Amino acid sequence: MRAHSHSWQGTFLVSYCALAWQIYIDYFYI
């Protein structure tokens, strides 16, 4: 049931940003 594919893209973007932020923190705050 994939009626809102745009919503899925939004969720993926949020997850990607969260992961990128996690890596950013781990890299700069050792």
PDB file of N, CA and C in Angstrom:
ATOM      1  N   MET A   1       0.851  -1.202   0.000  1.00  0.00           N
ATOM      2  CA  MET A   1       0.000   0.000   0.000  1.00  0.00           C
ATOM      3  C   MET A   1       0.886   1.251   0.000  1.00  0.00           C
ATOM      4  N   ARG A   2       1.327   1.631  -1.170  1.00  0.00           N
ATOM      5  CA  ARG A   2       2.235   2.768  -1.270  1.00  0.00           C
ATOM      6  C   ARG A   2       1.521   3.938  -1.940  1.00  0.00           C
ATOM      7  N   ALA A   3       0.588   4.541  -1.247  1.00  0.00           N
ATOM      8  CA  ALA A   3      -0.198   5.624  -1.836  1.00  0.00           C
ATOM      9  C   ALA A   3       0.586   6.935  -1.809  1.00  0.00           C
ATOM     10  N   HIS A   4       1.342   7.132  -0.732  1.00  0.00           N
ATOM     11  CA  HIS A   4       2.086   8.395  -0.608  1.00  0.00           C
ATOM     12  C   HIS A   4       3.580   8.113  -0.737  1.00  0.00           C
ATOM     13  N   SER A   5       4.059   8.140  -1.959  1.00  0.00           N
ATOM     14  CA  SER A   5       5.474   7.893  -2.180  1.00  0.00           C
ATOM     15  C   SER A   5       6.300   9.103  -1.777  1.00  0.00           C
ATOM     16  N   HIS A   6       5.720  10.279  -1.843  1.00  0.00           N
ATOM     17  CA  HIS A   6       6.442  11.492  -1.444  1.00  0.00           C
ATOM     18  C   HIS A   6       6.726  11.461   0.058  1.00  0.00           C
ATOM     19  N   SER A   7       5.762  10.933   0.820  1.00  0.00           N
ATOM     20  CA  SER A   7       5.936  10.821   2.271  1.00  0.00           C
ATOM     21  C   SER A   7       7.095   9.878   2.574  1.00  0.00           C
ATOM     22  N   TRP A   8       7.205   8.806   1.775  1.00  0.00           N
ATOM     23  CA  TRP A   8       8.302   7.853   1.962  1.00  0.00           C
ATOM     24  C   TRP A   8       9.644   8.538   1.707  1.00  0.00           C
ATOM     25  N   GLN A   9       9.702   9.372   0.687  1.00  0.00           N
ATOM     26  CA  GLN A   9      10.940  10.091   0.383  1.00  0.00           C
ATOM     27  C   GLN A   9      11.298  11.022   1.531  1.00  0.00           C
ATOM     28  N   GLY A  10      10.284  11.647   2.127  1.00  0.00           N
ATOM     29  CA  GLY A  10      10.516  12.551   3.253  1.00  0.00           C
ATOM     30  C   GLY A  10      11.097  11.790   4.434  1.00  0.00           C
ATOM     31  N   THR A  11      10.550  10.613   4.696  1.00  0.00           N
ATOM     32  CA  THR A  11      11.037   9.795   5.808  1.00  0.00           C
ATOM     33  C   THR A  11      12.477   9.365   5.557  1.00  0.00           C
ATOM     34  N   PHE A  12      12.776   8.997   4.326  1.00  0.00           N
ATOM     35  CA  PHE A  12      14.132   8.582   3.969  1.00  0.00           C
ATOM     36  C   PHE A  12      15.104   9.748   4.146  1.00  0.00           C
ATOM     37  N   LEU A  13      14.673  10.946   3.761  1.00  0.00           N
ATOM     38  CA  LEU A  13      15.518  12.128   3.882  1.00  0.00           C
ATOM     39  C   LEU A  13      15.817  12.418   5.345  1.00  0.00           C
ATOM     40  N   VAL A  14      14.803  12.303   6.189  1.00  0.00           N
ATOM     41  CA  VAL A  14      14.982  12.533   7.627  1.00  0.00           C
ATOM     42  C   VAL A  14      15.968  11.519   8.205  1.00  0.00           C
ATOM     43  N   SER A  15      15.819  10.260   7.804  1.00  0.00           N
ATOM     44  CA  SER A  15      16.714   9.211   8.297  1.00  0.00           C
ATOM     45  C   SER A  15      18.146   9.477   7.841  1.00  0.00           C
ATOM     46  N   TYR A  16      18.312   9.913   6.604  1.00  0.00           N
ATOM     47  CA  TYR A  16      19.629  10.206   6.058  1.00  0.00           C
ATOM     48  C   TYR A  16      20.275  11.371   6.796  1.00  0.00           C
ATOM     49  N   CYS A  17      19.484  12.408   7.075  1.00  0.00           N
ATOM     50  CA  CYS A  17      20.004  13.573   7.798  1.00  0.00           C
ATOM     51  C   CYS A  17      20.410  13.181   9.215  1.00  0.00           C
ATOM     52  N   ALA A  18      19.600  12.329   9.850  1.00  0.00           N
ATOM     53  CA  ALA A  18      19.911  11.879  11.204  1.00  0.00           C
ATOM     54  C   ALA A  18      21.225  11.094  11.211  1.00  0.00           C
ATOM     55  N   LEU A  19      21.401  10.227  10.232  1.00  0.00           N
ATOM     56  CA  LEU A  19      22.620   9.435  10.131  1.00  0.00           C
ATOM     57  C   LEU A  19      23.830  10.339   9.876  1.00  0.00           C
ATOM     58  N   ALA A  20      23.671  11.297   8.965  1.00  0.00           N
ATOM     59  CA  ALA A  20      24.751  12.228   8.650  1.00  0.00           C
ATOM     60  C   ALA A  20      25.129  13.045   9.887  1.00  0.00           C
ATOM     61  N   TRP A  21      24.125  13.473  10.657  1.00  0.00           N
ATOM     62  CA  TRP A  21      24.376  14.250  11.877  1.00  0.00           C
ATOM     63  C   TRP A  21      25.127  13.396  12.894  1.00  0.00           C
ATOM     64  N   GLN A  22      24.758  12.121  12.994  1.00  0.00           N
ATOM     65  CA  GLN A  22      25.413  11.205  13.928  1.00  0.00           C
ATOM     66  C   GLN A  22      26.895  11.067  13.574  1.00  0.00           C
ATOM     67  N   ILE A  23      27.172  10.912  12.289  1.00  0.00           N
ATOM     68  CA  ILE A  23      28.552  10.789  11.818  1.00  0.00           C
ATOM     69  C   ILE A  23      29.304  12.095  12.067  1.00  0.00           C
ATOM     70  N   TYR A  24      28.636  13.223  11.845  1.00  0.00           N
ATOM     71  CA  TYR A  24      29.238  14.535  12.064  1.00  0.00           C
ATOM     72  C   TYR A  24      29.656  14.693  13.521  1.00  0.00           C
ATOM     73  N   ILE A  25      28.762  14.310  14.443  1.00  0.00           N
ATOM     74  CA  ILE A  25      29.055  14.400  15.875  1.00  0.00           C
ATOM     75  C   ILE A  25      30.216  13.475  16.239  1.00  0.00           C
ATOM     76  N   ASP A  26      30.169  12.248  15.741  1.00  0.00           N
ATOM     77  CA  ASP A  26      31.221  11.280  16.058  1.00  0.00           C
ATOM     78  C   ASP A  26      32.571  11.740  15.518  1.00  0.00           C
ATOM     79  N   TYR A  27      32.564  12.445  14.396  1.00  0.00           N
ATOM     80  CA  TYR A  27      33.814  12.856  13.771  1.00  0.00           C
ATOM     81  C   TYR A  27      34.434  14.056  14.480  1.00  0.00           C
ATOM     82  N   PHE A  28      33.599  15.032  14.849  1.00  0.00           N
ATOM     83  CA  PHE A  28      34.123  16.262  15.434  1.00  0.00           C
ATOM     84  C   PHE A  28      34.207  16.234  16.955  1.00  0.00           C
ATOM     85  N   TYR A  29      33.428  15.360  17.582  1.00  0.00           N
ATOM     86  CA  TYR A  29      33.472  15.270  19.047  1.00  0.00           C
ATOM     87  C   TYR A  29      34.008  13.903  19.457  1.00  0.00           C
ATOM     88  N   ILE A  30      35.315  13.767  19.374  1.00  0.00           N
ATOM     89  CA  ILE A  30      35.943  12.481  19.663  1.00  0.00           C
ATOM     90  C   ILE A  30      36.147  12.345  21.177  1.00  0.00           C
TER      91      ILE A  30
END
